[in-house]
PDB file of N, CA and C in Angstrom:
ATOM      1  N   MET A   1      42.313  16.386  75.633  1.00  0.00           N
ATOM      2  CA  MET A   1      43.477  16.349  76.503  1.00  0.00           C
ATOM      3  C   MET A   1      43.590  17.649  77.273  1.00  0.00           C
ATOM      4  N   ALA A   2      43.978  17.555  78.490  1.00  0.00           N
ATOM      5  CA  ALA A   2      44.249  18.736  79.287  1.00  0.00           C
ATOM      6  C   ALA A   2      45.755  18.809  79.499  1.00  0.00           C
ATOM      7  N   GLY A   3      46.216  19.936  79.988  1.00  0.00           N
ATOM      8  CA  GLY A   3      47.642  20.052  80.278  1.00  0.00           C
ATOM      9  C   GLY A   3      48.300  21.129  79.456  1.00  0.00           C
ATOM     10  N   LYS A   4      49.635  21.044  79.428  1.00  0.00           N
ATOM     11  CA  LYS A   4      50.392  22.079  78.728  1.00  0.00           C
ATOM     12  C   LYS A   4      50.529  21.773  77.248  1.00  0.00           C
ATOM     13  N   SER A   5      50.809  22.797  76.487  1.00  0.00           N
ATOM     14  CA  SER A   5      50.958  22.653  75.044  1.00  0.00           C
ATOM     15  C   SER A   5      52.340  22.074  74.736  1.00  0.00           C
ATOM     16  N   ILE A   6      52.328  21.070  73.871  1.00  0.00           N
ATOM     17  CA  ILE A   6      53.563  20.384  73.498  1.00  0.00           C
ATOM     18  C   ILE A   6      53.615  20.339  71.975  1.00  0.00           C
ATOM     19  N   LYS A   7      54.708  20.835  71.404  1.00  0.00           N
ATOM     20  CA  LYS A   7      54.853  20.812  69.950  1.00  0.00           C
ATOM     21  C   LYS A   7      55.533  19.511  69.537  1.00  0.00           C
ATOM     22  N   VAL A   8      54.908  18.829  68.565  1.00  0.00           N
ATOM     23  CA  VAL A   8      55.473  17.599  68.022  1.00  0.00           C
ATOM     24  C   VAL A   8      55.492  17.698  66.510  1.00  0.00           C
ATOM     25  N   LYS A   9      56.362  16.920  65.898  1.00  0.00           N
ATOM     26  CA  LYS A   9      56.455  16.909  64.448  1.00  0.00           C
ATOM     27  C   LYS A   9      56.077  15.513  63.959  1.00  0.00           C
ATOM     28  N   ILE A  10      55.084  15.475  63.068  1.00  0.00           N
ATOM     29  CA  ILE A  10      54.629  14.221  62.496  1.00  0.00           C
ATOM     30  C   ILE A  10      54.595  14.373  60.979  1.00  0.00           C
ATOM     31  N   PHE A  11      55.356  13.531  60.311  1.00  0.00           N
ATOM     32  CA  PHE A  11      55.440  13.503  58.857  1.00  0.00           C
ATOM     33  C   PHE A  11      55.729  14.892  58.273  1.00  0.00           C
ATOM     34  N   GLY A  12      56.651  15.577  58.922  1.00  0.00           N
ATOM     35  CA  GLY A  12      57.103  16.875  58.427  1.00  0.00           C
ATOM     36  C   GLY A  12      56.274  18.070  58.843  1.00  0.00           C
ATOM     37  N   SER A  13      55.159  17.846  59.526  1.00  0.00           N
ATOM     38  CA  SER A  13      54.321  18.959  59.982  1.00  0.00           C
ATOM     39  C   SER A  13      54.359  19.040  61.494  1.00  0.00           C
ATOM     40  N   GLU A  14      54.356  20.277  61.979  1.00  0.00           N
ATOM     41  CA  GLU A  14      54.387  20.494  63.424  1.00  0.00           C
ATOM     42  C   GLU A  14      52.964  20.664  63.951  1.00  0.00           C
ATOM     43  N   TYR A  15      52.692  20.016  65.082  1.00  0.00           N
ATOM     44  CA  TYR A  15      51.364  20.071  65.697  1.00  0.00           C
ATOM     45  C   TYR A  15      51.496  20.474  67.164  1.00  0.00           C
ATOM     46  N   PRO A  16      50.695  21.451  67.590  1.00  0.00           N
ATOM     47  CA  PRO A  16      50.665  21.762  69.022  1.00  0.00           C
ATOM     48  C   PRO A  16      49.624  20.853  69.693  1.00  0.00           C
ATOM     49  N   LEU A  17      50.077  19.998  70.586  1.00  0.00           N
ATOM     50  CA  LEU A  17      49.183  19.095  71.299  1.00  0.00           C
ATOM     51  C   LEU A  17      49.146  19.488  72.769  1.00  0.00           C
ATOM     52  N   LYS A  18      48.099  19.088  73.444  1.00  0.00           N
ATOM     53  CA  LYS A  18      48.029  19.299  74.883  1.00  0.00           C
ATOM     54  C   LYS A  18      48.126  17.943  75.551  1.00  0.00           C
ATOM     55  N   GLY A  19      48.914  17.896  76.607  1.00  0.00           N
ATOM     56  CA  GLY A  19      49.082  16.638  77.313  1.00  0.00           C
ATOM     57  C   GLY A  19      49.546  16.863  78.731  1.00  0.00           C
ATOM     58  N   GLU A  20      49.286  15.885  79.562  1.00  0.00           N
ATOM     59  CA  GLU A  20      49.705  15.942  80.962  1.00  0.00           C
ATOM     60  C   GLU A  20      51.189  15.643  81.084  1.00  0.00           C
ATOM     61  N   ASN A  21      51.664  14.718  80.253  1.00  0.00           N
ATOM     62  CA  ASN A  21      53.034  14.254  80.357  1.00  0.00           C
ATOM     63  C   ASN A  21      53.734  14.462  79.015  1.00  0.00           C
ATOM     64  N   GLU A  22      54.684  15.361  78.996  1.00  0.00           N
ATOM     65  CA  GLU A  22      55.360  15.715  77.740  1.00  0.00           C
ATOM     66  C   GLU A  22      56.077  14.518  77.128  1.00  0.00           C
ATOM     67  N   ASP A  23      56.741  13.716  77.962  1.00  0.00           N
ATOM     68  CA  ASP A  23      57.469  12.558  77.439  1.00  0.00           C
ATOM     69  C   ASP A  23      56.524  11.557  76.774  1.00  0.00           C
ATOM     70  N   VAL A  24      55.394  11.306  77.408  1.00  0.00           N
ATOM     71  CA  VAL A  24      54.420  10.361  76.841  1.00  0.00           C
ATOM     72  C   VAL A  24      53.854  10.903  75.537  1.00  0.00           C
ATOM     73  N   THR A  25      53.505  12.181  75.527  1.00  0.00           N
ATOM     74  CA  THR A  25      52.953  12.799  74.319  1.00  0.00           C
ATOM     75  C   THR A  25      53.957  12.729  73.176  1.00  0.00           C
ATOM     76  N   LYS A  26      55.214  13.014  73.453  1.00  0.00           N
ATOM     77  CA  LYS A  26      56.246  12.951  72.416  1.00  0.00           C
ATOM     78  C   LYS A  26      56.490  11.516  71.959  1.00  0.00           C
ATOM     79  N   LYS A  27      56.411  10.581  72.875  1.00  0.00           N
ATOM     80  CA  LYS A  27      56.592   9.173  72.522  1.00  0.00           C
ATOM     81  C   LYS A  27      55.470   8.706  71.594  1.00  0.00           C
ATOM     82  N   ILE A  28      54.239   9.102  71.905  1.00  0.00           N
ATOM     83  CA  ILE A  28      53.092   8.742  71.068  1.00  0.00           C
ATOM     84  C   ILE A  28      53.241   9.366  69.680  1.00  0.00           C
ATOM     85  N   ALA A  29      53.584  10.645  69.647  1.00  0.00           N
ATOM     86  CA  ALA A  29      53.764  11.326  68.357  1.00  0.00           C
ATOM     87  C   ALA A  29      54.895  10.680  67.562  1.00  0.00           C
ATOM     88  N   GLY A  30      55.947  10.272  68.238  1.00  0.00           N
ATOM     89  CA  GLY A  30      57.053   9.593  67.569  1.00  0.00           C
ATOM     90  C   GLY A  30      56.632   8.269  66.965  1.00  0.00           C
ATOM     91  N   TYR A  31      55.768   7.562  67.686  1.00  0.00           N
ATOM     92  CA  TYR A  31      55.257   6.285  67.182  1.00  0.00           C
ATOM     93  C   TYR A  31      54.416   6.505  65.923  1.00  0.00           C
ATOM     94  N   VAL A  32      53.539   7.486  65.972  1.00  0.00           N
ATOM     95  CA  VAL A  32      52.702   7.813  64.814  1.00  0.00           C
ATOM     96  C   VAL A  32      53.583   8.240  63.640  1.00  0.00           C
ATOM     97  N   ASP A  33      54.558   9.094  63.909  1.00  0.00           N
ATOM     98  CA  ASP A  33      55.462   9.566  62.856  1.00  0.00           C
ATOM     99  C   ASP A  33      56.229   8.408  62.229  1.00  0.00           C
ATOM    100  N   SER A  34      56.713   7.487  63.058  1.00  0.00           N
ATOM    101  CA  SER A  34      57.479   6.368  62.504  1.00  0.00           C
ATOM    102  C   SER A  34      56.587   5.437  61.677  1.00  0.00           C
ATOM    103  N   MET A  35      55.346   5.259  62.097  1.00  0.00           N
ATOM    104  CA  MET A  35      54.419   4.410  61.342  1.00  0.00           C
ATOM    105  C   MET A  35      54.120   5.049  59.984  1.00  0.00           C
ATOM    106  N   ILE A  36      53.843   6.343  59.993  1.00  0.00           N
ATOM    107  CA  ILE A  36      53.557   7.047  58.738  1.00  0.00           C
ATOM    108  C   ILE A  36      54.775   7.004  57.812  1.00  0.00           C
ATOM    109  N   SER A  37      55.941   7.276  58.360  1.00  0.00           N
ATOM    110  CA  SER A  37      57.164   7.259  57.545  1.00  0.00           C
ATOM    111  C   SER A  37      57.433   5.877  56.977  1.00  0.00           C
ATOM    112  N   SER A  38      57.210   4.854  57.780  1.00  0.00           N
ATOM    113  CA  SER A  38      57.433   3.478  57.327  1.00  0.00           C
ATOM    114  C   SER A  38      56.518   3.133  56.152  1.00  0.00           C
ATOM    115  N   ILE A  39      55.263   3.493  56.282  1.00  0.00           N
ATOM    116  CA  ILE A  39      54.314   3.198  55.192  1.00  0.00           C
ATOM    117  C   ILE A  39      54.638   4.037  53.962  1.00  0.00           C
ATOM    118  N   HIS A  40      54.974   5.291  54.174  1.00  0.00           N
ATOM    119  CA  HIS A  40      55.332   6.159  53.045  1.00  0.00           C
ATOM    120  C   HIS A  40      56.557   5.618  52.312  1.00  0.00           C
ATOM    121  N   ASP A  41      57.531   5.087  53.071  1.00  0.00           N
ATOM    122  CA  ASP A  41      58.727   4.521  52.438  1.00  0.00           C
ATOM    123  C   ASP A  41      58.375   3.320  51.556  1.00  0.00           C
ATOM    124  N   LYS A  42      57.362   2.561  51.959  1.00  0.00           N
ATOM    125  CA  LYS A  42      56.969   1.372  51.199  1.00  0.00           C
ATOM    126  C   LYS A  42      56.146   1.721  49.960  1.00  0.00           C
ATOM    127  N   ILE A  43      55.312   2.754  50.085  1.00  0.00           N
ATOM    128  CA  ILE A  43      54.437   3.129  48.969  1.00  0.00           C
ATOM    129  C   ILE A  43      54.425   4.658  48.808  1.00  0.00           C
ATOM    130  N   PRO A  44      55.549   5.220  48.386  1.00  0.00           N
ATOM    131  CA  PRO A  44      55.674   6.677  48.325  1.00  0.00           C
ATOM    132  C   PRO A  44      54.760   7.351  47.308  1.00  0.00           C
ATOM    133  N   GLU A  45      54.231   6.588  46.365  1.00  0.00           N
ATOM    134  CA  GLU A  45      53.371   7.186  45.336  1.00  0.00           C
ATOM    135  C   GLU A  45      51.966   7.477  45.842  1.00  0.00           C
ATOM    136  N   GLN A  46      51.612   6.978  47.003  1.00  0.00           N
ATOM    137  CA  GLN A  46      50.263   7.171  47.536  1.00  0.00           C
ATOM    138  C   GLN A  46      50.098   8.579  48.124  1.00  0.00           C
ATOM    139  N   PRO A  47      48.891   9.131  48.046  1.00  0.00           N
ATOM    140  CA  PRO A  47      48.653  10.461  48.619  1.00  0.00           C
ATOM    141  C   PRO A  47      48.705  10.414  50.150  1.00  0.00           C
ATOM    142  N   PRO A  48      48.981  11.563  50.762  1.00  0.00           N
ATOM    143  CA  PRO A  48      49.099  11.621  52.225  1.00  0.00           C
ATOM    144  C   PRO A  48      47.884  11.061  52.973  1.00  0.00           C
ATOM    145  N   LEU A  49      46.678  11.294  52.452  1.00  0.00           N
ATOM    146  CA  LEU A  49      45.496  10.777  53.146  1.00  0.00           C
ATOM    147  C   LEU A  49      45.510   9.251  53.180  1.00  0.00           C
ATOM    148  N   THR A  50      45.886   8.624  52.086  1.00  0.00           N
ATOM    149  CA  THR A  50      45.970   7.160  52.049  1.00  0.00           C
ATOM    150  C   THR A  50      47.016   6.663  53.040  1.00  0.00           C
ATOM    151  N   ILE A  51      48.157   7.336  53.074  1.00  0.00           N
ATOM    152  CA  ILE A  51      49.226   6.978  54.019  1.00  0.00           C
ATOM    153  C   ILE A  51      48.710   7.103  55.452  1.00  0.00           C
ATOM    154  N   ALA A  52      47.984   8.176  55.726  1.00  0.00           N
ATOM    155  CA  ALA A  52      47.450   8.400  57.075  1.00  0.00           C
ATOM    156  C   ALA A  52      46.441   7.321  57.457  1.00  0.00           C
ATOM    157  N   VAL A  53      45.568   6.959  56.524  1.00  0.00           N
ATOM    158  CA  VAL A  53      44.556   5.929  56.812  1.00  0.00           C
ATOM    159  C   VAL A  53      45.225   4.576  57.028  1.00  0.00           C
ATOM    160  N   LEU A  54      46.168   4.222  56.186  1.00  0.00           N
ATOM    161  CA  LEU A  54      46.882   2.955  56.363  1.00  0.00           C
ATOM    162  C   LEU A  54      47.643   2.931  57.681  1.00  0.00           C
ATOM    163  N   SER A  55      48.217   4.067  58.046  1.00  0.00           N
ATOM    164  CA  SER A  55      48.912   4.164  59.333  1.00  0.00           C
ATOM    165  C   SER A  55      47.944   3.983  60.486  1.00  0.00           C
ATOM    166  N   ALA A  56      46.784   4.619  60.394  1.00  0.00           N
ATOM    167  CA  ALA A  56      45.766   4.469  61.442  1.00  0.00           C
ATOM    168  C   ALA A  56      45.339   3.012  61.569  1.00  0.00           C
ATOM    169  N   LEU A  57      45.179   2.339  60.439  1.00  0.00           N
ATOM    170  CA  LEU A  57      44.798   0.920  60.466  1.00  0.00           C
ATOM    171  C   LEU A  57      45.892   0.067  61.104  1.00  0.00           C
ATOM    172  N   ASN A  58      47.150   0.325  60.758  1.00  0.00           N
ATOM    173  CA  ASN A  58      48.257  -0.430  61.355  1.00  0.00           C
ATOM    174  C   ASN A  58      48.375  -0.176  62.856  1.00  0.00           C
ATOM    175  N   ILE A  59      48.215   1.072  63.259  1.00  0.00           N
ATOM    176  CA  ILE A  59      48.286   1.406  64.677  1.00  0.00           C
ATOM    177  C   ILE A  59      47.131   0.740  65.433  1.00  0.00           C
ATOM    178  N   THR A  60      45.956   0.743  64.825  1.00  0.00           N
ATOM    179  CA  THR A  60      44.801   0.096  65.450  1.00  0.00           C
ATOM    180  C   THR A  60      45.013  -1.405  65.540  1.00  0.00           C
ATOM    181  N   GLU A  61      45.606  -1.992  64.517  1.00  0.00           N
ATOM    182  CA  GLU A  61      45.912  -3.427  64.569  1.00  0.00           C
ATOM    183  C   GLU A  61      46.863  -3.724  65.723  1.00  0.00           C
ATOM    184  N   ASP A  62      47.894  -2.893  65.888  1.00  0.00           N
ATOM    185  CA  ASP A  62      48.819  -3.055  67.017  1.00  0.00           C
ATOM    186  C   ASP A  62      48.078  -2.965  68.346  1.00  0.00           C
ATOM    187  N   LEU A  63      47.181  -1.997  68.447  1.00  0.00           N
ATOM    188  CA  LEU A  63      46.401  -1.818  69.670  1.00  0.00           C
ATOM    189  C   LEU A  63      45.540  -3.041  69.951  1.00  0.00           C
ATOM    190  N   MET A  64      44.851  -3.536  68.930  1.00  0.00           N
ATOM    191  CA  MET A  64      43.973  -4.693  69.113  1.00  0.00           C
ATOM    192  C   MET A  64      44.771  -5.940  69.514  1.00  0.00           C
ATOM    193  N   LYS A  65      45.927  -6.129  68.888  1.00  0.00           N
ATOM    194  CA  LYS A  65      46.785  -7.261  69.265  1.00  0.00           C
ATOM    195  C   LYS A  65      47.207  -7.144  70.728  1.00  0.00           C
ATOM    196  N   GLU A  66      47.576  -5.948  71.131  1.00  0.00           N
ATOM    197  CA  GLU A  66      48.004  -5.728  72.516  1.00  0.00           C
ATOM    198  C   GLU A  66      46.849  -5.966  73.482  1.00  0.00           C
ATOM    199  N   ARG A  67      45.663  -5.513  73.134  1.00  0.00           N
ATOM    200  CA  ARG A  67      44.487  -5.750  73.984  1.00  0.00           C
ATOM    201  C   ARG A  67      44.191  -7.237  74.098  1.00  0.00           C
ATOM    202  N   ASP A  68      44.258  -7.946  72.970  1.00  0.00           N
ATOM    203  CA  ASP A  68      44.031  -9.394  72.996  1.00  0.00           C
ATOM    204  C   ASP A  68      45.066 -10.081  73.881  1.00  0.00           C
ATOM    205  N   HIS A  69      46.321  -9.682  73.724  1.00  0.00           N
ATOM    206  CA  HIS A  69      47.392 -10.255  74.552  1.00  0.00           C
ATOM    207  C   HIS A  69      47.144  -9.976  76.036  1.00  0.00           C
ATOM    208  N   ASN A  70      46.767  -8.744  76.348  1.00  0.00           N
ATOM    209  CA  ASN A  70      46.484  -8.392  77.742  1.00  0.00           C
ATOM    210  C   ASN A  70      45.314  -9.192  78.284  1.00  0.00           C
ATOM    211  N   GLN A  71      44.275  -9.393  77.473  1.00  0.00           N
ATOM    212  CA  GLN A  71      43.115 -10.180  77.913  1.00  0.00           C
ATOM    213  C   GLN A  71      43.514 -11.627  78.166  1.00  0.00           C
ATOM    214  N   GLN A  72      44.321 -12.186  77.283  1.00  0.00           N
ATOM    215  CA  GLN A  72      44.789 -13.559  77.482  1.00  0.00           C
ATOM    216  C   GLN A  72      45.626 -13.667  78.753  1.00  0.00           C
ATOM    217  N   THR A  73      46.471 -12.682  78.979  1.00  0.00           N
ATOM    218  CA  THR A  73      47.291 -12.671  80.189  1.00  0.00           C
ATOM    219  C   THR A  73      46.420 -12.572  81.432  1.00  0.00           C
ATOM    220  N   MET A  74      45.412 -11.693  81.397  1.00  0.00           N
ATOM    221  CA  MET A  74      44.509 -11.550  82.542  1.00  0.00           C
ATOM    222  C   MET A  74      43.747 -12.845  82.808  1.00  0.00           C
ATOM    223  N   THR A  75      43.275 -13.495  81.763  1.00  0.00           N
ATOM    224  CA  THR A  75      42.552 -14.760  81.915  1.00  0.00           C
ATOM    225  C   THR A  75      43.470 -15.819  82.533  1.00  0.00           C
ATOM    226  N   TYR A  76      44.690 -15.886  82.040  1.00  0.00           N
ATOM    227  CA  TYR A  76      45.668 -16.836  82.582  1.00  0.00           C
ATOM    228  C   TYR A  76      45.931 -16.539  84.062  1.00  0.00           C
ATOM    229  N   LEU A  77      46.175 -15.272  84.385  1.00  0.00           N
ATOM    230  CA  LEU A  77      46.460 -14.905  85.775  1.00  0.00           C
ATOM    231  C   LEU A  77      45.276 -15.187  86.695  1.00  0.00           C
ATOM    232  N   GLU A  78      44.064 -14.910  86.214  1.00  0.00           N
ATOM    233  CA  GLU A  78      42.874 -15.195  87.024  1.00  0.00           C
ATOM    234  C   GLU A  78      42.759 -16.689  87.303  1.00  0.00           C
ATOM    235  N   THR A  79      43.035 -17.506  86.300  1.00  0.00           N
ATOM    236  CA  THR A  79      42.993 -18.958  86.473  1.00  0.00           C
ATOM    237  C   THR A  79      44.047 -19.411  87.487  1.00  0.00           C
ATOM    238  N   GLU A  80      45.240 -18.866  87.366  1.00  0.00           N
ATOM    239  CA  GLU A  80      46.315 -19.234  88.295  1.00  0.00           C
ATOM    240  C   GLU A  80      46.000 -18.779  89.717  1.00  0.00           C
ATOM    241  N   ILE A  81      45.390 -17.622  89.861  1.00  0.00           N
ATOM    242  CA  ILE A  81      45.008 -17.124  91.195  1.00  0.00           C
ATOM    243  C   ILE A  81      43.951 -18.038  91.817  1.00  0.00           C
ATOM    244  N   VAL A  82      42.989 -18.472  91.024  1.00  0.00           N
ATOM    245  CA  VAL A  82      41.963 -19.395  91.534  1.00  0.00           C
ATOM    246  C   VAL A  82      42.619 -20.699  91.976  1.00  0.00           C
ATOM    247  N   LYS A  83      43.537 -21.235  91.171  1.00  0.00           N
ATOM    248  CA  LYS A  83      44.239 -22.471  91.533  1.00  0.00           C
ATOM    249  C   LYS A  83      45.003 -22.297  92.845  1.00  0.00           C
ATOM    250  N   LEU A  84      45.719 -21.184  92.948  1.00  0.00           N
ATOM    251  CA  LEU A  84      46.499 -20.908  94.149  1.00  0.00           C
ATOM    252  C   LEU A  84      45.594 -20.736  95.364  1.00  0.00           C
ATOM    253  N   SER A  85      44.509 -20.046  95.184  1.00  0.00           N
ATOM    254  CA  SER A  85      43.550 -19.851  96.271  1.00  0.00           C
ATOM    255  C   SER A  85      42.969 -21.183  96.724  1.00  0.00           C
ATOM    256  N   ASN A  86      42.604 -22.024  95.780  1.00  0.00           N
ATOM    257  CA  ASN A  86      42.084 -23.351  96.121  1.00  0.00           C
ATOM    258  C   ASN A  86      43.131 -24.184  96.853  1.00  0.00           C
ATOM    259  N   TYR A  87      44.361 -24.123  96.381  1.00  0.00           N
ATOM    260  CA  TYR A  87      45.449 -24.849  97.031  1.00  0.00           C
ATOM    261  C   TYR A  87      45.621 -24.372  98.472  1.00  0.00           C
ATOM    262  N   LEU A  88      45.644 -23.067  98.663  1.00  0.00           N
ATOM    263  CA  LEU A  88      45.806 -22.525 100.020  1.00  0.00           C
ATOM    264  C   LEU A  88      44.617 -22.888 100.906  1.00  0.00           C
ATOM    265  N   ASP A  89      43.418 -22.845 100.341  1.00  0.00           N
ATOM    266  CA  ASP A  89      42.232 -23.259 101.107  1.00  0.00           C
ATOM    267  C   ASP A  89      42.359 -24.708 101.553  1.00  0.00           C
ATOM    268  N   ASN A  90      42.827 -25.578 100.658  1.00  0.00           N
ATOM    269  CA  ASN A  90      43.021 -26.986 101.003  1.00  0.00           C
ATOM    270  C   ASN A  90      44.067 -27.153 102.094  1.00  0.00           C
ATOM    271  N   CYS A  91      45.150 -26.397 101.988  1.00  0.00           N
ATOM    272  CA  CYS A  91      46.192 -26.461 103.023  1.00  0.00           C
ATOM    273  C   CYS A  91      45.646 -26.003 104.372  1.00  0.00           C
ATOM    274  N   LEU A  92      44.899 -24.924 104.374  1.00  0.00           N
ATOM    275  CA  LEU A  92      44.319 -24.419 105.626  1.00  0.00           C
ATOM    276  C   LEU A  92      43.306 -25.396 106.193  1.00  0.00           C
ATOM    277  N   ASP A  93      42.525 -26.041 105.322  1.00  0.00           N
ATOM    278  CA  ASP A  93      41.566 -27.040 105.787  1.00  0.00           C
ATOM    279  C   ASP A  93      42.288 -28.213 106.444  1.00  0.00           C
ATOM    280  N   LYS A  94      43.411 -28.658 105.850  1.00  0.00           N
ATOM    281  CA  LYS A  94      44.188 -29.758 106.429  1.00  0.00           C
ATOM    282  C   LYS A  94      44.733 -29.372 107.795  1.00  0.00           C
ATOM    283  N   VAL A  95      45.251 -28.149 107.905  1.00  0.00           N
ATOM    284  CA  VAL A  95      45.782 -27.681 109.181  1.00  0.00           C
ATOM    285  C   VAL A  95      44.652 -27.616 110.216  1.00  0.00           C
ATOM    286  N   ALA A  96      43.514 -27.120 109.818  1.00  0.00           N
ATOM    287  CA  ALA A  96      42.372 -27.039 110.743  1.00  0.00           C
ATOM    288  C   ALA A  96      41.914 -28.429 111.164  1.00  0.00           C
ATOM    289  N   ASP A  97      41.892 -29.385 110.218  1.00  0.00           N
ATOM    290  CA  ASP A  97      41.521 -30.766 110.543  1.00  0.00           C
ATOM    291  C   ASP A  97      42.498 -31.386 111.511  1.00  0.00           C
ATOM    292  N   GLU A  98      43.796 -31.140 111.280  1.00  0.00           N
ATOM    293  CA  GLU A  98      44.832 -31.703 112.169  1.00  0.00           C
ATOM    294  C   GLU A  98      44.701 -31.127 113.582  1.00  0.00           C
ATOM    295  N   LYS A  99      44.363 -29.846 113.695  1.00  0.00           N
ATOM    296  CA  LYS A  99      44.218 -29.230 115.011  1.00  0.00           C
ATOM    297  C   LYS A  99      42.978 -29.756 115.730  1.00  0.00           C
ATOM    298  N   SER A 100      41.932 -30.029 114.986  1.00  0.00           N
ATOM    299  CA  SER A 100      40.701 -30.519 115.632  1.00  0.00           C
ATOM    300  C   SER A 100      40.845 -31.968 116.081  1.00  0.00           C
ATOM    301  N   VAL A 101      41.725 -32.745 115.435  1.00  0.00           N
ATOM    302  CA  VAL A 101      41.983 -34.141 115.806  1.00  0.00           C
ATOM    303  C   VAL A 101      42.838 -34.175 117.067  1.00  0.00           C
ATOM    304  N   SER A 102      43.744 -33.231 117.228  1.00  0.00           N
ATOM    305  CA  SER A 102      44.678 -33.249 118.348  1.00  0.00           C
ATOM    306  C   SER A 102      44.022 -32.972 119.657  1.00  0.00           C
TER     307      SER A 102
END
């Protein structure tokens, strides 16, 4: 990361991060912190490394779900664009046919 140094707190520890956008960097750190805290609340007896790994897995699962959703949305939109394009082509062909008959 390039940019200015931004201090964030994750699971009780402060980290100096570099980022272009302070709000985005803090939002990301907040998400990581909330995931770690949530898992720690559920299984407080686990060591920090286990909590961190489980958090990484949960965050990655969220990312993969979002990517899948985005891919499905893109596929749907591409299909709809093709349909719309075909419809418009048909309309233009009809208009061109009507003009050539006149």
